[in-house]
Amino acid sequence: MLKTLPRRVGLLAALAAALLAGGCASMDRCDRNTAVGAAVGGVAGSVLTDQSTLGTVGGAVAGGVLGRGRGC
């Protein structure tokens, strides 16, 4: 049972990533830049603040604003 758990988790993660990536197909360039900026900003905020909720949310907001502002 324990040997198959990582395989199942990996399969579920790959399936979730495929479903989420498919949802971005109809986005325009500005929306995609906003989403990418928010994701990168959220990860950066989390890393820089030792996984603080406020840092993660603040990073996501800042990244989304910067991503949206670039060429939109």
Protein backbone atom coordinates (compact mmCIF):
# COMPACT_ATOMS: atom_id res chain seq x y z
CA MET A 1 0.00 0.00 0.00
CA LEU A 2 2.74 2.48 0.92
CA LYS A 3 4.64 1.77 -2.29
CA THR A 4 1.70 2.76 -4.49
CA LEU A 5 0.82 5.94 -2.59
CA PRO A 6 3.53 8.15 -4.20
CA ARG A 7 2.53 6.83 -7.62
CA ARG A 8 -1.11 7.71 -6.99
CA VAL A 9 -0.24 11.16 -5.70
CA GLY A 10 1.92 11.79 -8.76
CA LEU A 11 -0.85 10.62 -11.07
CA LEU A 12 -3.40 12.85 -9.36
CA ALA A 13 -1.03 15.82 -9.52
CA ALA A 14 -0.43 15.27 -13.24
CA LEU A 15 -4.16 14.98 -13.88
CA ALA A 16 -4.87 18.18 -11.93
CA ALA A 17 -2.14 20.04 -13.81
CA ALA A 18 -3.54 18.91 -17.16
CA LEU A 19 -7.04 20.02 -16.23
CA LEU A 20 -5.86 23.39 -14.95
CA ALA A 21 -3.68 24.01 -18.00
CA GLY A 22 -6.60 23.27 -20.28
CA GLY A 23 -8.59 26.03 -18.62
CA CYS A 24 -6.04 28.62 -19.75
CA ALA A 25 -6.48 27.88 -23.45
CA SER A 26 -9.22 30.47 -23.93
CA MET A 27 -7.49 33.24 -21.96
CA ASP A 28 -6.17 36.30 -23.73
CA ARG A 29 -2.60 37.50 -23.26
CA CYS A 30 -3.40 39.95 -20.44
CA ASP A 31 -5.36 37.38 -18.44
CA ARG A 32 -2.60 34.82 -18.88
CA ASN A 33 0.03 37.35 -17.75
CA THR A 34 -2.08 38.13 -14.67
CA ALA A 35 -2.43 34.46 -13.77
CA VAL A 36 1.25 33.71 -14.27
CA GLY A 37 2.27 36.80 -12.30
CA ALA A 38 -0.04 35.86 -9.43
CA ALA A 39 1.25 32.28 -9.33
CA VAL A 40 4.91 33.29 -9.42
CA GLY A 41 4.33 36.10 -6.92
CA GLY A 42 2.50 33.76 -4.55
CA VAL A 43 5.31 31.23 -4.61
CA ALA A 44 7.95 33.92 -4.20
CA GLY A 45 6.04 35.54 -1.34
CA SER A 46 5.66 32.20 0.38
CA VAL A 47 9.35 31.36 0.04
CA LEU A 48 10.56 34.77 1.15
CA THR A 49 8.33 34.89 4.24
CA ASP A 50 8.77 31.28 5.39
CA GLN A 51 5.28 30.26 4.19
CA SER A 52 3.46 33.14 5.84
CA THR A 53 -0.13 33.49 4.65
CA LEU A 54 0.16 37.25 4.44
CA GLY A 55 3.38 36.99 2.45
CA THR A 56 1.85 34.47 0.05
CA VAL A 57 -1.27 36.55 -0.55
CA GLY A 58 0.73 39.76 -0.82
CA GLY A 59 3.11 38.18 -3.31
CA ALA A 60 0.20 36.87 -5.38
CA VAL A 61 -1.47 40.28 -5.46
CA ALA A 62 1.76 42.08 -6.35
CA GLY A 63 2.60 39.49 -9.01
CA GLY A 64 -0.88 39.71 -10.51
CA VAL A 65 -0.74 43.49 -10.69
CA LEU A 66 2.73 43.45 -12.25
CA GLY A 67 1.73 40.70 -14.68
CA ARG A 68 -1.39 42.56 -15.74
CA GLY A 69 0.43 45.86 -16.16
CA ARG A 70 3.00 44.49 -18.56
CA GLY A 71 1.77 45.35 -22.02
CA CYS A 72 -1.96 45.44 -21.27
